[in-house]
């Protein structure tokens, strides 16, 4: 019985380690009650955070974000703390992404060059 139990234990341990998920992801930015982005990262609960949402882009539109009251991207400097929060998250090993679209908005990409224009606009605004 011991001869079978030990290999079974090793196999089970290996199986469990191989089946571990790649990490927990969440969306941040649509509920002012969720606190700051840095606070979400500091919980240690997440390996990935999607900032929600870039909800206006493409077809010659100026990209705009909806951060549901965390800040107002239309007012210069209003969202500067989010840049610091992203840096804090990254230094904690949390990967931060920008979620495109959302439930409401005006977005589409009409071509590869349209996509390039959106990317260049976002890159220059960092």
Protein backbone atom coordinates (compact mmCIF):
# COMPACT_ATOMS: atom_id res chain seq x y z
CA UNK A 1 0.00 0.00 0.00
CA UNK A 2 2.85 2.42 0.83
CA UNK A 3 4.42 1.66 -2.55
CA UNK A 4 1.27 2.95 -4.30
CA UNK A 5 0.50 5.79 -1.88
CA UNK A 6 3.81 7.63 -2.29
CA UNK A 7 3.73 7.85 -6.12
CA UNK A 8 0.05 8.83 -5.89
CA UNK A 9 0.95 11.61 -3.46
CA UNK A 10 3.70 12.87 -5.78
CA UNK A 11 1.36 12.71 -8.80
CA UNK A 12 -1.39 14.57 -6.92
CA UNK A 13 1.03 17.29 -5.77
CA UNK A 14 2.33 17.71 -9.31
CA UNK A 15 -1.19 17.85 -10.72
CA UNK A 16 -2.25 20.50 -8.21
CA UNK A 17 0.79 22.66 -8.95
CA UNK A 18 0.20 22.39 -12.70
CA UNK A 19 -3.47 23.29 -12.36
CA UNK A 20 -2.90 26.50 -10.43
CA UNK A 21 -4.41 29.50 -12.17
CA UNK A 22 -2.25 32.18 -13.68
CA UNK A 23 -3.55 34.76 -11.22
CA UNK A 24 -6.63 36.74 -10.37
CA UNK A 25 -7.65 39.69 -12.51
CA UNK A 26 -10.14 42.46 -11.79
CA UNK A 27 -11.50 45.63 -13.32
CA UNK A 28 -10.88 48.94 -11.58
CA UNK A 29 -12.35 52.34 -12.34
CA UNK A 30 -16.12 52.03 -12.39
CA UNK A 31 -16.96 52.34 -8.69
CA UNK A 32 -15.70 55.21 -6.54
CA UNK A 33 -16.21 53.01 -3.48
CA UNK A 34 -13.42 50.70 -4.65
CA UNK A 35 -10.73 53.13 -3.51
CA UNK A 36 -7.61 54.05 -5.42
CA UNK A 37 -5.85 51.86 -7.93
CA UNK A 38 -2.80 51.69 -5.62
CA UNK A 39 -5.04 50.46 -2.80
CA UNK A 40 -6.44 47.69 -5.00
CA UNK A 41 -2.92 46.58 -5.92
CA UNK A 42 -1.70 46.76 -2.32
CA UNK A 43 -4.28 44.19 -1.20
CA UNK A 44 -2.17 41.47 -2.79
CA UNK A 45 -5.36 39.91 -4.15
CA UNK A 46 -4.69 40.61 -7.82
CA UNK A 47 -1.99 39.81 -10.32
CA UNK A 48 -3.72 41.77 -13.10
CA UNK A 49 -5.85 44.90 -13.03
CA UNK A 50 -7.74 46.23 -16.03
CA UNK A 51 -8.40 49.96 -15.88
CA UNK A 52 -11.96 50.40 -17.12
CA UNK A 53 -12.65 51.93 -19.64
CA UNK A 54 -11.26 53.71 -22.66
CA UNK A 55 -14.74 54.10 -24.10
CA UNK A 56 -14.27 56.63 -26.90
CA UNK A 57 -11.73 56.01 -29.66
CA UNK A 58 -11.28 55.36 -33.35
CA UNK A 59 -12.69 56.95 -36.51
CA UNK A 60 -10.81 60.19 -35.85
CA UNK A 61 -12.22 60.68 -32.34
CA UNK A 62 -10.00 61.88 -29.52
CA UNK A 63 -9.67 58.94 -27.11
CA UNK A 64 -11.52 59.46 -23.82
CA UNK A 65 -11.78 57.46 -20.62
CA UNK A 66 -14.67 56.88 -18.28
CA UNK A 67 -13.38 56.41 -14.74
CA UNK A 68 -16.77 56.85 -13.03
CA UNK A 69 -15.86 59.61 -10.63
CA UNK A 70 -12.28 58.62 -9.74
CA UNK A 71 -11.14 61.63 -11.73
CA UNK A 72 -12.24 63.67 -14.73
CA UNK A 73 -9.96 63.02 -17.71
CA UNK A 74 -11.39 66.14 -19.40
CA UNK A 75 -9.71 68.33 -16.75
CA UNK A 76 -5.94 68.60 -17.16
CA UNK A 77 -4.10 67.03 -14.22
CA UNK A 78 -7.23 65.55 -12.68
CA UNK A 79 -6.02 62.00 -13.23
CA UNK A 80 -2.30 62.47 -12.55
CA UNK A 81 -2.50 60.39 -9.37
CA UNK A 82 -3.47 57.38 -11.46
CA UNK A 83 -0.04 57.46 -13.12
CA UNK A 84 1.57 57.23 -9.68
CA UNK A 85 -0.83 54.43 -8.77
CA UNK A 86 0.12 52.49 -11.91
CA UNK A 87 3.80 52.80 -10.96
CA UNK A 88 3.01 51.56 -7.43
CA UNK A 89 1.12 48.59 -8.85
CA UNK A 90 3.93 47.71 -11.23
CA UNK A 91 6.51 47.90 -8.45
CA UNK A 92 4.35 45.39 -6.55
CA UNK A 93 4.41 43.04 -9.54
CA UNK A 94 0.82 43.72 -10.56
CA UNK A 95 0.33 44.03 -14.31
CA UNK A 96 -1.93 46.94 -15.27
CA UNK A 97 -3.89 46.98 -18.52
CA UNK A 98 -6.22 49.46 -20.18
CA UNK A 99 -9.58 47.96 -21.06
CA UNK A 100 -10.95 49.15 -24.39
CA UNK A 101 -14.66 49.57 -24.92
CA UNK A 102 -17.08 48.93 -22.11
CA UNK A 103 -20.82 48.73 -21.94
CA UNK A 104 -21.40 52.19 -23.37
CA UNK A 105 -19.39 54.48 -25.54
CA UNK A 106 -18.41 55.36 -29.05
CA UNK A 107 -15.65 53.12 -30.27
CA UNK A 108 -14.57 51.16 -33.28
CA UNK A 109 -11.49 50.79 -35.42
CA UNK A 110 -12.10 51.15 -39.12
CA UNK A 111 -8.65 50.06 -40.28
CA UNK A 112 -5.12 49.18 -39.23
CA UNK A 113 -4.10 52.82 -39.72
CA UNK A 114 -6.99 53.93 -37.49
CA UNK A 115 -5.70 51.55 -34.81
CA UNK A 116 -2.17 52.96 -35.24
CA UNK A 117 -3.51 56.50 -34.79
CA UNK A 118 -5.25 55.55 -31.53
CA UNK A 119 -2.09 53.85 -30.27
CA UNK A 120 0.08 56.86 -31.15
CA UNK A 121 -2.35 59.25 -29.45
CA UNK A 122 -2.36 57.15 -26.28
CA UNK A 123 1.42 56.80 -26.31
CA UNK A 124 1.99 60.55 -26.71
CA UNK A 125 -0.38 61.35 -23.86
CA UNK A 126 1.60 59.29 -21.32
